[in-house]
Amino acid sequence: MNDPTQKILTYAFRNSYAELRFPEMQFNLNQVIEGTCYQAILEIKKVLADPSLQDNDCFCAIEQIVRILESHGISGEGRHDFG
């Protein structure tokens, strides 16, 4: 599963259990993906807007951003594998 869209959808629905039926309404997967991405961007914006960060805090801010992306199922594809 290398497709980023599949990864985002898998993450978004992995802890969900529901059966909803709306026969007259089409489900828009793009809205789900955009909503997940938008939430991640809002969290990243909050990290970047922190006025208390100094230049030497940059590494920590980048680490927070990477963790936010990972928490939404968006991987750095090995670029963040320091273990």
Protein backbone atom coordinates (compact mmCIF):
# COMPACT_ATOMS: atom_id res chain seq x y z
CA MET A 1 0.00 0.00 0.00
CA ASN A 2 2.27 2.78 -1.28
CA ASP A 3 -0.47 5.15 -2.37
CA PRO A 4 -0.64 8.10 0.09
CA THR A 5 -4.40 8.32 -0.39
CA GLN A 6 -4.84 4.71 0.74
CA LYS A 7 -2.60 5.32 3.76
CA ILE A 8 -4.60 8.37 4.83
CA LEU A 9 -7.93 6.56 4.41
CA THR A 10 -6.67 3.50 6.25
CA TYR A 11 -5.52 5.67 9.15
CA ALA A 12 -8.71 7.76 9.18
CA PHE A 13 -10.95 4.69 9.39
CA ARG A 14 -8.80 2.20 11.33
CA ASN A 15 -10.40 2.90 14.70
CA SER A 16 -13.89 3.37 13.35
CA TYR A 17 -16.77 0.97 13.30
CA ALA A 18 -19.97 2.16 11.81
CA GLU A 19 -22.44 1.17 9.21
CA LEU A 20 -24.18 4.11 7.66
CA ARG A 21 -26.32 3.91 4.60
CA PHE A 22 -27.37 6.90 2.57
CA PRO A 23 -28.67 5.45 -0.68
CA GLU A 24 -29.34 8.83 -2.22
CA MET A 25 -26.04 10.42 -1.24
CA GLN A 26 -22.64 9.71 -2.73
CA PHE A 27 -19.74 9.42 -0.31
CA ASN A 28 -16.90 11.75 -1.25
CA LEU A 29 -13.54 10.24 -0.30
CA ASN A 30 -11.78 13.45 -1.28
CA GLN A 31 -13.62 15.26 1.51
CA VAL A 32 -12.36 12.70 4.04
CA ILE A 33 -8.78 13.06 2.77
CA GLU A 34 -8.97 16.85 2.65
CA GLY A 35 -10.41 16.95 6.18
CA THR A 36 -7.58 14.80 7.52
CA CYS A 37 -4.96 16.90 5.74
CA TYR A 38 -6.58 20.14 6.88
CA GLN A 39 -6.53 18.97 10.50
CA ALA A 40 -2.82 18.14 10.21
CA ILE A 41 -2.12 21.57 8.68
CA LEU A 42 -3.95 23.32 11.54
CA GLU A 43 -1.83 21.45 14.07
CA ILE A 44 1.38 22.28 12.16
CA LYS A 45 0.35 25.94 11.94
CA LYS A 46 -0.06 26.00 15.72
CA VAL A 47 3.50 24.67 16.16
CA LEU A 48 4.94 27.22 13.72
CA ALA A 49 2.99 30.13 15.22
CA ASP A 50 4.36 29.55 18.73
CA PRO A 51 5.99 32.90 19.60
CA SER A 52 8.02 31.34 22.39
CA LEU A 53 10.18 29.30 19.98
CA GLN A 54 13.77 30.45 19.54
CA ASP A 55 15.99 29.52 16.62
CA ASN A 56 17.57 26.70 18.61
CA ASP A 57 14.08 25.25 19.13
CA CYS A 58 13.76 24.69 15.38
CA PHE A 59 14.73 21.01 15.58
CA CYS A 60 12.08 20.40 18.23
CA ALA A 61 9.47 22.20 16.12
CA ILE A 62 10.33 20.09 13.09
CA GLU A 63 10.11 16.97 15.25
CA GLN A 64 6.64 18.03 16.42
CA ILE A 65 5.55 18.56 12.81
CA VAL A 66 6.81 15.12 11.78
CA ARG A 67 4.94 13.55 14.71
CA ILE A 68 1.74 15.41 13.76
CA LEU A 69 1.99 14.10 10.21
CA GLU A 70 2.64 10.59 11.49
CA SER A 71 -0.32 10.83 13.87
CA HIS A 72 -2.51 11.39 10.80
CA GLY A 73 -1.03 8.45 8.92
CA ILE A 74 1.25 10.56 6.73
CA SER A 75 4.71 9.02 6.76
CA GLY A 76 8.07 10.48 5.84
CA GLU A 77 8.82 7.17 4.09
CA GLY A 78 11.95 6.39 6.10
CA ARG A 79 13.32 9.92 6.22
CA HIS A 80 12.44 10.07 9.91
CA ASP A 81 13.61 6.59 10.90
CA PHE A 82 16.40 7.39 13.36
CA GLY A 83 16.04 4.21 15.43
